[in-house]
Each structure stands twice: as structure tokens, then as C-alpha cells.
């Protein structure tokens, strides 16, 4: 008796699939278009400032639509650093006015550093008190602090000016930094949110060992809050570096005049009536370099720390 083995039918070889073409995504295309537009809007003004700084004032009027420097020169930067004589500046279309760039730069560094250090330190202490200490009326006082964020700074400029004047602190660095050196509402709110999300176990263990709140704040809380404090310090420094109105009111003398106010004075010192645009743009670029360097060095930490959720 013979048996026949059933064979399974051979599978047909699969044909090569044609690579599928990517489908058109209107949403992604629109997002890329908006991103490119945002980059262009952000970068083009900077490139225009650079182009103006590398041009001579005499050639700017005749090449107003050109994106390249008109009559390329580094004379504007030489004027900023005091390496060009008034006669050479006038020959390039400048006003011949001088700017004490290094004095103004020193004043800006001192003003921004002192106000940043004081504001961050006192705000951290206040934020810890609102987050950890229990006292009557805590929430009401915190709400009052947040309410002050709605008051425009121009409303407090006159009372602060009269106070500084009565204290005989006009044209002094102390008078310039006093309104900023203490805690600010935004800084308190920023750090309080982080302190609320920090674990209390380590602090409670330290209290059982006899540690007081001041020791806990300096030895436990501050080290664990290094990232948000560094972010807040950098944001505060950038804001103070760009401050203009208050230093203009209080510091009218060269020995305390900050860089932003000095640029405004330099713009107005033009006997022909037309500002020295090349020199002004060169000074603007140089004044922005410290902030750009800080942001390039710590920009990633800012992005990572703004969306923090605390230590679980």
C-alpha cells in the first residue's frame, strides 16, 4: 500500500514594494514656515545692526537698501573703544563725540551684579518663608505680593526717586541699586513653587537632630535649589543689564552712568543733528556681548529649569 505525502503549496515570492512617498502634511509645513519666519524676524535686526556698525555714515545714505556693509570699515568699533581721534571720526561721518565705554561698562557690571545678588538672595529667603513656615496671614501676604506684579513700574518711579533724593543718594551707586536689591514678587513666586515641591523628609530629619530653619535653609534648601536659583539669577541679570529708566533718573553723572544710558547720551551728542548710527550700532553690539555670552553658556540650563517640577 502506497501513501502519498501531501505537499504544501509553495508560497509565491513577494514582490518588491515600492517605497511609499511621504504624504504632504499641511500642519508640519505650516509649523516649519512659522519657525523660519520667527528665526528671520529675530536674526535680521541683528544682521542689520552688524551691517550698520561695519559701514561709514557717509556711505549709509547712498546704500540704504543694501544688506552688505557700505564702505566696510572698523572705525565705528575704534570710536567705541576710544582708539579713534575726533578728526578721524568726523572724516567717516561720525559726530566726533566721545563715549566713556569702559566706565559705563564697569558701572553696568556693578549695578547688574549687586542687584542680582541681592534680589535672588532675599527672594530665596522670602520664598522659603512662604513655602515652609506656618504663620498667620501667610497666604494673604503672598497674595498681596503677587498683586504688586500688576502695578506698572512707572507708578513707583516717582516715590522711589523722592525717597532716594531725601536720603541724599542721587548720583550714587547705592541709590541706583536700593529699589532692586531686595526681593521681587516674580522671584518669590518662582522659587516658592520649587520649594513647595521639594521633599520634606530631609528637612524633618534635620529638625529632629536639632537643626533650626536658618541652618536648614543654607545647608539643605539652597544646595538642592541650585538650578532654579541659577536660572533666576541669569534672568535677573539680563533684566538689570537692560534697565534704562531708573538709572537715567538717578545716575546723571559719568561716574555712575550705566551703559544703556551712556548709549542714549552718545546718540544725542551730534552737532550736525544726525546721530552717529555706525558708532551707536557698534556700541550696541559690544554692550550686548556679555548677555549673549551668558545666555550661550547657560541657555540650556534656563530651558531645563523653567519647566522644573521640584525634587520628589
C-alpha atoms as a PDB file:
ATOM      1  CA  UNK A   1       0.000   0.000   0.000  1.00  0.00           C
ATOM      2  CA  UNK A   2       1.480   3.245  -1.057  1.00  0.00           C
ATOM      3  CA  UNK A   3       0.958   6.573   0.689  1.00  0.00           C
ATOM      4  CA  UNK A   4       1.285   9.917  -0.962  1.00  0.00           C
ATOM      5  CA  UNK A   5       2.658  12.768   1.088  1.00  0.00           C
ATOM      6  CA  UNK A   6       0.781  15.974   0.661  1.00  0.00           C
ATOM      7  CA  UNK A   7       2.997  18.844  -0.188  1.00  0.00           C
ATOM      8  CA  UNK A   8       2.178  22.338   0.911  1.00  0.00           C
ATOM      9  CA  UNK A   9       1.800  24.743  -1.931  1.00  0.00           C
ATOM     10  CA  UNK A  10       4.857  26.872  -2.460  1.00  0.00           C
ATOM     11  CA  UNK A  11       4.399  30.464  -1.443  1.00  0.00           C
ATOM     12  CA  UNK A  12       4.750  32.959  -4.196  1.00  0.00           C
ATOM     13  CA  UNK A  13       7.752  35.168  -3.806  1.00  0.00           C
ATOM     14  CA  UNK A  14       6.716  38.520  -2.506  1.00  0.00           C
ATOM     15  CA  UNK A  15       7.310  41.278  -4.955  1.00  0.00           C
ATOM     16  CA  UNK A  16       9.309  44.346  -4.084  1.00  0.00           C
ATOM     17  CA  UNK A  17       7.227  47.030  -2.524  1.00  0.00           C
ATOM     18  CA  UNK A  18       7.619  50.439  -3.917  1.00  0.00           C
ATOM     19  CA  UNK A  19       8.772  52.954  -1.319  1.00  0.00           C
ATOM     20  CA  UNK A  20       5.833  54.974  -0.202  1.00  0.00           C
ATOM     21  CA  UNK A  21       6.154  58.657  -0.850  1.00  0.00           C
ATOM     22  CA  UNK A  22       5.805  60.855   2.211  1.00  0.00           C
ATOM     23  CA  UNK A  23       2.410  62.391   2.353  1.00  0.00           C
ATOM     24  CA  UNK A  24       2.068  66.123   2.394  1.00  0.00           C
ATOM     25  CA  UNK A  25       1.424  67.337   5.921  1.00  0.00           C
ATOM     26  CA  UNK A  26      -0.043  70.825   5.938  1.00  0.00           C
ATOM     27  CA  UNK A  27       0.356  71.220   9.696  1.00  0.00           C
ATOM     28  CA  UNK A  28       4.048  70.323   9.704  1.00  0.00           C
ATOM     29  CA  UNK A  29       4.721  72.532   6.699  1.00  0.00           C
ATOM     30  CA  UNK A  30       2.975  75.438   8.381  1.00  0.00           C
ATOM     31  CA  UNK A  31       4.936  74.875  11.592  1.00  0.00           C
ATOM     32  CA  UNK A  32       8.244  74.926   9.708  1.00  0.00           C
ATOM     33  CA  UNK A  33       7.180  78.077   7.864  1.00  0.00           C
ATOM     34  CA  UNK A  34       6.346  79.819  11.147  1.00  0.00           C
ATOM     35  CA  UNK A  35       9.639  78.661  12.665  1.00  0.00           C
ATOM     36  CA  UNK A  36      11.643  80.008   9.720  1.00  0.00           C
ATOM     37  CA  UNK A  37       9.720  83.276   9.885  1.00  0.00           C
ATOM     38  CA  UNK A  38      10.381  83.606  13.631  1.00  0.00           C
ATOM     39  CA  UNK A  39      14.099  82.959  13.106  1.00  0.00           C
ATOM     40  CA  UNK A  40      14.241  85.540  10.312  1.00  0.00           C
ATOM     41  CA  UNK A  41      12.433  88.140  12.424  1.00  0.00           C
ATOM     42  CA  UNK A  42      14.878  87.508  15.286  1.00  0.00           C
ATOM     43  CA  UNK A  43      18.105  87.377  13.260  1.00  0.00           C
ATOM     44  CA  UNK A  44      17.571  90.036  10.583  1.00  0.00           C
ATOM     45  CA  UNK A  45      17.610  93.018  13.008  1.00  0.00           C
ATOM     46  CA  UNK A  46      20.878  91.742  14.478  1.00  0.00           C
ATOM     47  CA  UNK A  47      22.384  91.399  10.991  1.00  0.00           C
ATOM     48  CA  UNK A  48      21.193  94.895  10.117  1.00  0.00           C
ATOM     49  CA  UNK A  49      22.853  96.301  13.248  1.00  0.00           C
ATOM     50  CA  UNK A  50      26.074  94.481  12.334  1.00  0.00           C
ATOM     51  CA  UNK A  51      25.890  95.793   8.776  1.00  0.00           C
ATOM     52  CA  UNK A  52      25.421  99.363  10.026  1.00  0.00           C
ATOM     53  CA  UNK A  53      28.292  99.043  12.514  1.00  0.00           C
ATOM     54  CA  UNK A  54      30.670  97.947   9.740  1.00  0.00           C
ATOM     55  CA  UNK A  55      29.725 100.866   7.474  1.00  0.00           C
ATOM     56  CA  UNK A  56      30.604 104.534   7.377  1.00  0.00           C
ATOM     57  CA  UNK A  57      27.923 107.116   8.000  1.00  0.00           C
ATOM     58  CA  UNK A  58      28.778 108.856   4.715  1.00  0.00           C
ATOM     59  CA  UNK A  59      28.019 105.697   2.713  1.00  0.00           C
ATOM     60  CA  UNK A  60      24.882 104.601   4.580  1.00  0.00           C
ATOM     61  CA  UNK A  61      22.565 107.104   2.909  1.00  0.00           C
ATOM     62  CA  UNK A  62      23.603 106.056  -0.596  1.00  0.00           C
ATOM     63  CA  UNK A  63      23.286 102.307   0.142  1.00  0.00           C
ATOM     64  CA  UNK A  64      20.179 102.222   2.286  1.00  0.00           C
ATOM     65  CA  UNK A  65      18.753  99.068   0.686  1.00  0.00           C
ATOM     66  CA  UNK A  66      21.958  97.012   0.629  1.00  0.00           C
ATOM     67  CA  UNK A  67      22.301  94.129   3.059  1.00  0.00           C
ATOM     68  CA  UNK A  68      26.112  94.310   2.909  1.00  0.00           C
ATOM     69  CA  UNK A  69      28.247  96.888   4.729  1.00  0.00           C
ATOM     70  CA  UNK A  70      28.547 100.164   2.861  1.00  0.00           C
ATOM     71  CA  UNK A  71      32.218 101.134   2.583  1.00  0.00           C
ATOM     72  CA  UNK A  72      33.418  98.432   5.014  1.00  0.00           C
ATOM     73  CA  UNK A  73      35.381  99.786   7.987  1.00  0.00           C
ATOM     74  CA  UNK A  74      36.077  99.066  11.649  1.00  0.00           C
ATOM     75  CA  UNK A  75      36.150 102.753  12.507  1.00  0.00           C
ATOM     76  CA  UNK A  76      32.897 102.587  14.485  1.00  0.00           C
ATOM     77  CA  UNK A  77      34.336  99.976  16.850  1.00  0.00           C
ATOM     78  CA  UNK A  78      37.501 102.061  17.187  1.00  0.00           C
ATOM     79  CA  UNK A  79      35.365 105.022  18.238  1.00  0.00           C
ATOM     80  CA  UNK A  80      33.638 102.899  20.855  1.00  0.00           C
ATOM     81  CA  UNK A  81      36.910 101.747  22.411  1.00  0.00           C
ATOM     82  CA  UNK A  82      38.475 105.220  22.216  1.00  0.00           C
ATOM     83  CA  UNK A  83      41.020 104.273  19.547  1.00  0.00           C
ATOM     84  CA  UNK A  84      39.975 106.925  17.018  1.00  0.00           C
ATOM     85  CA  UNK A  85      40.575 110.653  17.112  1.00  0.00           C
ATOM     86  CA  UNK A  86      37.667 113.114  16.683  1.00  0.00           C
ATOM     87  CA  UNK A  87      39.092 114.177  13.315  1.00  0.00           C
ATOM     88  CA  UNK A  88      39.110 110.583  12.050  1.00  0.00           C
ATOM     89  CA  UNK A  89      35.570 110.085  13.349  1.00  0.00           C
ATOM     90  CA  UNK A  90      34.298 113.185  11.540  1.00  0.00           C
ATOM     91  CA  UNK A  91      36.045 112.044   8.338  1.00  0.00           C
ATOM     92  CA  UNK A  92      33.983 108.821   8.436  1.00  0.00           C
ATOM     93  CA  UNK A  93      30.775 110.708   9.028  1.00  0.00           C
ATOM     94  CA  UNK A  94      30.756 110.378  12.812  1.00  0.00           C
ATOM     95  CA  UNK A  95      29.838 113.101  15.239  1.00  0.00           C
ATOM     96  CA  UNK A  96      33.238 113.277  16.860  1.00  0.00           C
ATOM     97  CA  UNK A  97      31.642 112.773  20.273  1.00  0.00           C
ATOM     98  CA  UNK A  98      33.375 110.542  22.803  1.00  0.00           C
ATOM     99  CA  UNK A  99      31.869 107.753  24.866  1.00  0.00           C
ATOM    100  CA  UNK A 100      33.451 106.513  28.102  1.00  0.00           C
ATOM    101  CA  UNK A 101      32.671 102.945  27.168  1.00  0.00           C
ATOM    102  CA  UNK A 102      34.840 101.235  29.775  1.00  0.00           C
ATOM    103  CA  UNK A 103      33.482 103.412  32.600  1.00  0.00           C
ATOM    104  CA  UNK A 104      29.893 102.752  31.530  1.00  0.00           C
ATOM    105  CA  UNK A 105      30.621  99.042  31.152  1.00  0.00           C
ATOM    106  CA  UNK A 106      32.073  98.889  34.658  1.00  0.00           C
ATOM    107  CA  UNK A 107      29.033 100.679  36.077  1.00  0.00           C
ATOM    108  CA  UNK A 108      26.659  98.297  34.298  1.00  0.00           C
ATOM    109  CA  UNK A 109      28.507  95.249  35.611  1.00  0.00           C
ATOM    110  CA  UNK A 110      28.485  96.594  39.174  1.00  0.00           C
ATOM    111  CA  UNK A 111      24.842  97.665  39.020  1.00  0.00           C
ATOM    112  CA  UNK A 112      23.602  94.394  37.499  1.00  0.00           C
ATOM    113  CA  UNK A 113      25.715  92.168  39.761  1.00  0.00           C
ATOM    114  CA  UNK A 114      24.731  93.849  43.038  1.00  0.00           C
ATOM    115  CA  UNK A 115      21.028  93.987  42.228  1.00  0.00           C
ATOM    116  CA  UNK A 116      21.009  90.380  41.010  1.00  0.00           C
ATOM    117  CA  UNK A 117      22.811  89.031  44.065  1.00  0.00           C
ATOM    118  CA  UNK A 118      20.609  90.948  46.500  1.00  0.00           C
ATOM    119  CA  UNK A 119      17.318  90.225  44.736  1.00  0.00           C
ATOM    120  CA  UNK A 120      17.981  86.491  44.404  1.00  0.00           C
ATOM    121  CA  UNK A 121      19.222  86.064  47.983  1.00  0.00           C
ATOM    122  CA  UNK A 122      16.399  87.947  49.706  1.00  0.00           C
ATOM    123  CA  UNK A 123      13.784  86.466  47.367  1.00  0.00           C
ATOM    124  CA  UNK A 124      15.012  82.963  48.215  1.00  0.00           C
ATOM    125  CA  UNK A 125      14.638  83.668  51.923  1.00  0.00           C
ATOM    126  CA  UNK A 126      11.148  85.107  51.444  1.00  0.00           C
ATOM    127  CA  UNK A 127      10.117  82.190  49.219  1.00  0.00           C
ATOM    128  CA  UNK A 128      11.280  79.709  51.871  1.00  0.00           C
ATOM    129  CA  UNK A 129       9.228  81.554  54.496  1.00  0.00           C
ATOM    130  CA  UNK A 130       6.119  81.405  52.299  1.00  0.00           C
ATOM    131  CA  UNK A 131       6.657  77.740  51.414  1.00  0.00           C
ATOM    132  CA  UNK A 132       7.786  76.186  54.711  1.00  0.00           C
ATOM    133  CA  UNK A 133       6.998  78.437  57.670  1.00  0.00           C
ATOM    134  CA  UNK A 134       3.472  78.476  59.056  1.00  0.00           C
ATOM    135  CA  UNK A 135       2.307  81.846  60.331  1.00  0.00           C
ATOM    136  CA  UNK A 136      -0.945  83.731  60.488  1.00  0.00           C
ATOM    137  CA  UNK A 137      -1.850  85.610  57.319  1.00  0.00           C
ATOM    138  CA  UNK A 138       0.767  83.873  55.186  1.00  0.00           C
ATOM    139  CA  UNK A 139      -1.485  83.333  52.175  1.00  0.00           C
ATOM    140  CA  UNK A 140      -2.899  86.859  52.381  1.00  0.00           C
ATOM    141  CA  UNK A 141       0.574  88.399  52.404  1.00  0.00           C
ATOM    142  CA  UNK A 142       1.645  86.206  49.497  1.00  0.00           C
ATOM    143  CA  UNK A 143      -1.419  87.276  47.517  1.00  0.00           C
ATOM    144  CA  UNK A 144      -0.515  90.881  48.256  1.00  0.00           C
ATOM    145  CA  UNK A 145       2.985  90.263  46.903  1.00  0.00           C
ATOM    146  CA  UNK A 146       1.549  88.777  43.727  1.00  0.00           C
ATOM    147  CA  UNK A 147      -0.788  91.731  43.395  1.00  0.00           C
ATOM    148  CA  UNK A 148       2.151  94.116  43.230  1.00  0.00           C
ATOM    149  CA  UNK A 149       3.151  92.457  39.947  1.00  0.00           C
ATOM    150  CA  UNK A 150       0.127  94.180  38.381  1.00  0.00           C
ATOM    151  CA  UNK A 151       1.416  97.649  39.290  1.00  0.00           C
ATOM    152  CA  UNK A 152       3.379  99.236  36.402  1.00  0.00           C
ATOM    153  CA  UNK A 153       6.926 100.219  37.413  1.00  0.00           C
ATOM    154  CA  UNK A 154       6.325 103.791  36.246  1.00  0.00           C
ATOM    155  CA  UNK A 155       3.891 104.266  39.153  1.00  0.00           C
ATOM    156  CA  UNK A 156       6.614 103.567  41.733  1.00  0.00           C
ATOM    157  CA  UNK A 157       9.359 105.551  39.981  1.00  0.00           C
ATOM    158  CA  UNK A 158       8.390 108.942  41.451  1.00  0.00           C
ATOM    159  CA  UNK A 159       8.018 107.780  45.097  1.00  0.00           C
ATOM    160  CA  UNK A 160      11.325 105.919  44.865  1.00  0.00           C
ATOM    161  CA  UNK A 161      13.006 108.948  43.330  1.00  0.00           C
ATOM    162  CA  UNK A 162      11.761 111.231  46.121  1.00  0.00           C
ATOM    163  CA  UNK A 163      12.952 108.712  48.717  1.00  0.00           C
ATOM    164  CA  UNK A 164      16.418 108.479  47.170  1.00  0.00           C
ATOM    165  CA  UNK A 165      16.574 112.272  46.897  1.00  0.00           C
ATOM    166  CA  UNK A 166      15.615 112.764  50.548  1.00  0.00           C
ATOM    167  CA  UNK A 167      18.291 110.245  51.529  1.00  0.00           C
ATOM    168  CA  UNK A 168      20.802 112.303  49.507  1.00  0.00           C
ATOM    169  CA  UNK A 169      21.704 109.302  47.373  1.00  0.00           C
ATOM    170  CA  UNK A 170      21.295 110.796  43.900  1.00  0.00           C
ATOM    171  CA  UNK A 171      24.191 110.077  41.528  1.00  0.00           C
ATOM    172  CA  UNK A 172      25.418 107.255  43.732  1.00  0.00           C
ATOM    173  CA  UNK A 173      25.541 103.537  43.029  1.00  0.00           C
ATOM    174  CA  UNK A 174      23.751 102.859  46.322  1.00  0.00           C
ATOM    175  CA  UNK A 175      20.820 104.996  45.252  1.00  0.00           C
ATOM    176  CA  UNK A 176      20.591 103.124  41.956  1.00  0.00           C
ATOM    177  CA  UNK A 177      20.584  99.627  43.440  1.00  0.00           C
ATOM    178  CA  UNK A 178      18.368 100.163  46.509  1.00  0.00           C
ATOM    179  CA  UNK A 179      14.962  99.742  44.753  1.00  0.00           C
ATOM    180  CA  UNK A 180      16.127  96.463  43.170  1.00  0.00           C
ATOM    181  CA  UNK A 181      18.413  94.865  45.723  1.00  0.00           C
ATOM    182  CA  UNK A 182      15.591  93.463  47.865  1.00  0.00           C
ATOM    183  CA  UNK A 183      13.087  90.770  46.988  1.00  0.00           C
ATOM    184  CA  UNK A 184      10.905  90.960  43.891  1.00  0.00           C
ATOM    185  CA  UNK A 185       7.420  89.397  43.536  1.00  0.00           C
ATOM    186  CA  UNK A 186       8.240  87.309  40.468  1.00  0.00           C
ATOM    187  CA  UNK A 187      11.397  85.879  42.052  1.00  0.00           C
ATOM    188  CA  UNK A 188       9.481  84.952  45.210  1.00  0.00           C
ATOM    189  CA  UNK A 189       6.749  83.233  43.204  1.00  0.00           C
ATOM    190  CA  UNK A 190       9.318  81.432  41.028  1.00  0.00           C
ATOM    191  CA  UNK A 191      11.284  79.987  43.950  1.00  0.00           C
ATOM    192  CA  UNK A 192       8.270  79.324  46.159  1.00  0.00           C
ATOM    193  CA  UNK A 193       6.864  76.917  43.574  1.00  0.00           C
ATOM    194  CA  UNK A 194      10.093  74.932  43.656  1.00  0.00           C
ATOM    195  CA  UNK A 195      10.313  74.890  47.449  1.00  0.00           C
ATOM    196  CA  UNK A 196       6.741  73.605  47.720  1.00  0.00           C
ATOM    197  CA  UNK A 197       7.632  70.567  45.588  1.00  0.00           C
ATOM    198  CA  UNK A 198      10.791  69.695  47.480  1.00  0.00           C
ATOM    199  CA  UNK A 199      10.676  66.660  49.734  1.00  0.00           C
ATOM    200  CA  UNK A 200      10.224  67.476  53.410  1.00  0.00           C
ATOM    201  CA  UNK A 201      11.791  64.256  54.694  1.00  0.00           C
ATOM    202  CA  UNK A 202      15.349  65.546  54.813  1.00  0.00           C
ATOM    203  CA  UNK A 203      14.244  68.765  56.470  1.00  0.00           C
ATOM    204  CA  UNK A 204      12.194  66.905  59.075  1.00  0.00           C
ATOM    205  CA  UNK A 205      15.144  64.629  59.823  1.00  0.00           C
ATOM    206  CA  UNK A 206      17.358  67.692  60.273  1.00  0.00           C
ATOM    207  CA  UNK A 207      14.793  69.207  62.657  1.00  0.00           C
ATOM    208  CA  UNK A 208      14.818  66.023  64.722  1.00  0.00           C
ATOM    209  CA  UNK A 209      18.593  66.417  65.014  1.00  0.00           C
ATOM    210  CA  UNK A 210      18.121  69.942  66.348  1.00  0.00           C
ATOM    211  CA  UNK A 211      18.679  71.998  63.214  1.00  0.00           C
ATOM    212  CA  UNK A 212      16.890  75.338  63.000  1.00  0.00           C
ATOM    213  CA  UNK A 213      15.244  76.855  59.946  1.00  0.00           C
ATOM    214  CA  UNK A 214      18.226  79.081  59.137  1.00  0.00           C
ATOM    215  CA  UNK A 215      20.610  76.121  59.056  1.00  0.00           C
ATOM    216  CA  UNK A 216      18.163  74.043  57.027  1.00  0.00           C
ATOM    217  CA  UNK A 217      17.805  76.900  54.532  1.00  0.00           C
ATOM    218  CA  UNK A 218      21.535  77.329  53.934  1.00  0.00           C
ATOM    219  CA  UNK A 219      22.673  73.688  54.150  1.00  0.00           C
ATOM    220  CA  UNK A 220      19.744  71.770  52.644  1.00  0.00           C
ATOM    221  CA  UNK A 221      17.376  74.002  50.699  1.00  0.00           C
ATOM    222  CA  UNK A 222      19.844  76.219  48.831  1.00  0.00           C
ATOM    223  CA  UNK A 223      22.082  73.369  47.574  1.00  0.00           C
ATOM    224  CA  UNK A 224      19.050  71.467  46.272  1.00  0.00           C
ATOM    225  CA  UNK A 225      17.692  74.618  44.607  1.00  0.00           C
ATOM    226  CA  UNK A 226      20.909  75.489  42.786  1.00  0.00           C
ATOM    227  CA  UNK A 227      19.398  75.033  39.301  1.00  0.00           C
ATOM    228  CA  UNK A 228      16.345  77.330  39.663  1.00  0.00           C
ATOM    229  CA  UNK A 229      18.386  79.876  41.609  1.00  0.00           C
ATOM    230  CA  UNK A 230      20.979  79.986  38.816  1.00  0.00           C
ATOM    231  CA  UNK A 231      18.183  80.389  36.263  1.00  0.00           C
ATOM    232  CA  UNK A 232      16.592  83.190  38.258  1.00  0.00           C
ATOM    233  CA  UNK A 233      19.962  84.905  38.702  1.00  0.00           C
ATOM    234  CA  UNK A 234      20.653  84.851  34.965  1.00  0.00           C
ATOM    235  CA  UNK A 235      17.195  86.169  34.064  1.00  0.00           C
ATOM    236  CA  UNK A 236      17.502  88.898  36.690  1.00  0.00           C
ATOM    237  CA  UNK A 237      20.958  89.888  35.475  1.00  0.00           C
ATOM    238  CA  UNK A 238      19.731  90.216  31.882  1.00  0.00           C
ATOM    239  CA  UNK A 239      16.797  92.353  33.020  1.00  0.00           C
ATOM    240  CA  UNK A 240      19.009  94.629  35.099  1.00  0.00           C
ATOM    241  CA  UNK A 241      21.592  94.884  32.325  1.00  0.00           C
ATOM    242  CA  UNK A 242      18.887  96.291  30.022  1.00  0.00           C
ATOM    243  CA  UNK A 243      17.437  98.636  32.661  1.00  0.00           C
ATOM    244  CA  UNK A 244      17.265 102.211  31.391  1.00  0.00           C
ATOM    245  CA  UNK A 245      14.629 104.437  33.007  1.00  0.00           C
ATOM    246  CA  UNK A 246      15.628 104.252  36.683  1.00  0.00           C
ATOM    247  CA  UNK A 247      19.399 104.630  36.096  1.00  0.00           C
ATOM    248  CA  UNK A 248      18.565 107.610  33.868  1.00  0.00           C
ATOM    249  CA  UNK A 249      16.606 109.265  36.689  1.00  0.00           C
ATOM    250  CA  UNK A 250      19.137 108.667  39.457  1.00  0.00           C
ATOM    251  CA  UNK A 251      22.543 108.468  37.741  1.00  0.00           C
ATOM    252  CA  UNK A 252      23.155 111.527  35.566  1.00  0.00           C
ATOM    253  CA  UNK A 253      26.917 111.750  36.147  1.00  0.00           C
ATOM    254  CA  UNK A 254      29.533 109.830  34.211  1.00  0.00           C
ATOM    255  CA  UNK A 255      30.987 108.059  37.252  1.00  0.00           C
ATOM    256  CA  UNK A 256      27.685 106.211  37.890  1.00  0.00           C
ATOM    257  CA  UNK A 257      26.109 106.242  34.422  1.00  0.00           C
ATOM    258  CA  UNK A 258      25.365 102.750  33.113  1.00  0.00           C
ATOM    259  CA  UNK A 259      25.978 101.589  29.573  1.00  0.00           C
ATOM    260  CA  UNK A 260      22.367 101.782  28.352  1.00  0.00           C
ATOM    261  CA  UNK A 261      22.078 105.404  29.480  1.00  0.00           C
ATOM    262  CA  UNK A 262      25.508 106.152  28.021  1.00  0.00           C
ATOM    263  CA  UNK A 263      24.334 104.938  24.607  1.00  0.00           C
ATOM    264  CA  UNK A 264      21.402 107.338  24.764  1.00  0.00           C
ATOM    265  CA  UNK A 265      23.707 110.224  25.638  1.00  0.00           C
ATOM    266  CA  UNK A 266      26.071 109.252  22.818  1.00  0.00           C
ATOM    267  CA  UNK A 267      23.157 109.264  20.360  1.00  0.00           C
ATOM    268  CA  UNK A 268      22.197 112.812  21.347  1.00  0.00           C
ATOM    269  CA  UNK A 269      25.771 114.188  21.114  1.00  0.00           C
ATOM    270  CA  UNK A 270      25.684 115.075  17.426  1.00  0.00           C
ATOM    271  CA  UNK A 271      26.380 118.671  16.393  1.00  0.00           C
ATOM    272  CA  UNK A 272      25.127 118.068  12.826  1.00  0.00           C
ATOM    273  CA  UNK A 273      21.771 116.820  14.086  1.00  0.00           C
ATOM    274  CA  UNK A 274      22.121 113.320  12.560  1.00  0.00           C
ATOM    275  CA  UNK A 275      23.167 110.622  15.046  1.00  0.00           C
ATOM    276  CA  UNK A 276      26.354 108.629  14.576  1.00  0.00           C
ATOM    277  CA  UNK A 277      24.487 105.488  13.575  1.00  0.00           C
ATOM    278  CA  UNK A 278      27.616 103.437  12.868  1.00  0.00           C
ATOM    279  CA  UNK A 279      29.141 104.219  16.248  1.00  0.00           C
ATOM    280  CA  UNK A 280      25.839 103.705  18.024  1.00  0.00           C
ATOM    281  CA  UNK A 281      25.271 100.294  16.429  1.00  0.00           C
ATOM    282  CA  UNK A 282      28.854  99.246  17.206  1.00  0.00           C
ATOM    283  CA  UNK A 283      28.406 100.251  20.847  1.00  0.00           C
ATOM    284  CA  UNK A 284      25.080  98.384  20.937  1.00  0.00           C
ATOM    285  CA  UNK A 285      26.716  95.199  19.654  1.00  0.00           C
ATOM    286  CA  UNK A 286      29.543  95.396  22.163  1.00  0.00           C
ATOM    287  CA  UNK A 287      27.122  96.109  25.023  1.00  0.00           C
ATOM    288  CA  UNK A 288      25.071  93.037  24.082  1.00  0.00           C
ATOM    289  CA  UNK A 289      28.068  90.693  24.053  1.00  0.00           C
ATOM    290  CA  UNK A 290      28.128  89.959  27.832  1.00  0.00           C
ATOM    291  CA  UNK A 291      24.455  88.956  27.794  1.00  0.00           C
ATOM    292  CA  UNK A 292      24.892  86.857  24.654  1.00  0.00           C
ATOM    293  CA  UNK A 293      27.872  85.057  26.186  1.00  0.00           C
ATOM    294  CA  UNK A 294      25.970  84.333  29.404  1.00  0.00           C
ATOM    295  CA  UNK A 295      22.932  83.087  27.523  1.00  0.00           C
ATOM    296  CA  UNK A 296      25.044  80.894  25.240  1.00  0.00           C
ATOM    297  CA  UNK A 297      26.793  79.372  28.253  1.00  0.00           C
ATOM    298  CA  UNK A 298      23.716  78.835  30.437  1.00  0.00           C
ATOM    299  CA  UNK A 299      20.835  78.878  27.951  1.00  0.00           C
ATOM    300  CA  UNK A 300      20.303  75.113  28.188  1.00  0.00           C
ATOM    301  CA  UNK A 301      20.012  75.305  31.960  1.00  0.00           C
ATOM    302  CA  UNK A 302      17.405  78.035  31.616  1.00  0.00           C
ATOM    303  CA  UNK A 303      15.267  75.913  29.319  1.00  0.00           C
ATOM    304  CA  UNK A 304      15.591  72.870  31.596  1.00  0.00           C
ATOM    305  CA  UNK A 305      14.870  74.777  34.801  1.00  0.00           C
ATOM    306  CA  UNK A 306      11.893  76.883  33.724  1.00  0.00           C
ATOM    307  CA  UNK A 307       9.737  73.738  33.491  1.00  0.00           C
ATOM    308  CA  UNK A 308      11.009  72.173  36.699  1.00  0.00           C
ATOM    309  CA  UNK A 309       8.742  70.222  38.999  1.00  0.00           C
ATOM    310  CA  UNK A 310      10.960  70.012  42.066  1.00  0.00           C
ATOM    311  CA  UNK A 311      12.624  67.089  43.817  1.00  0.00           C
ATOM    312  CA  UNK A 312      10.242  64.250  44.536  1.00  0.00           C
END
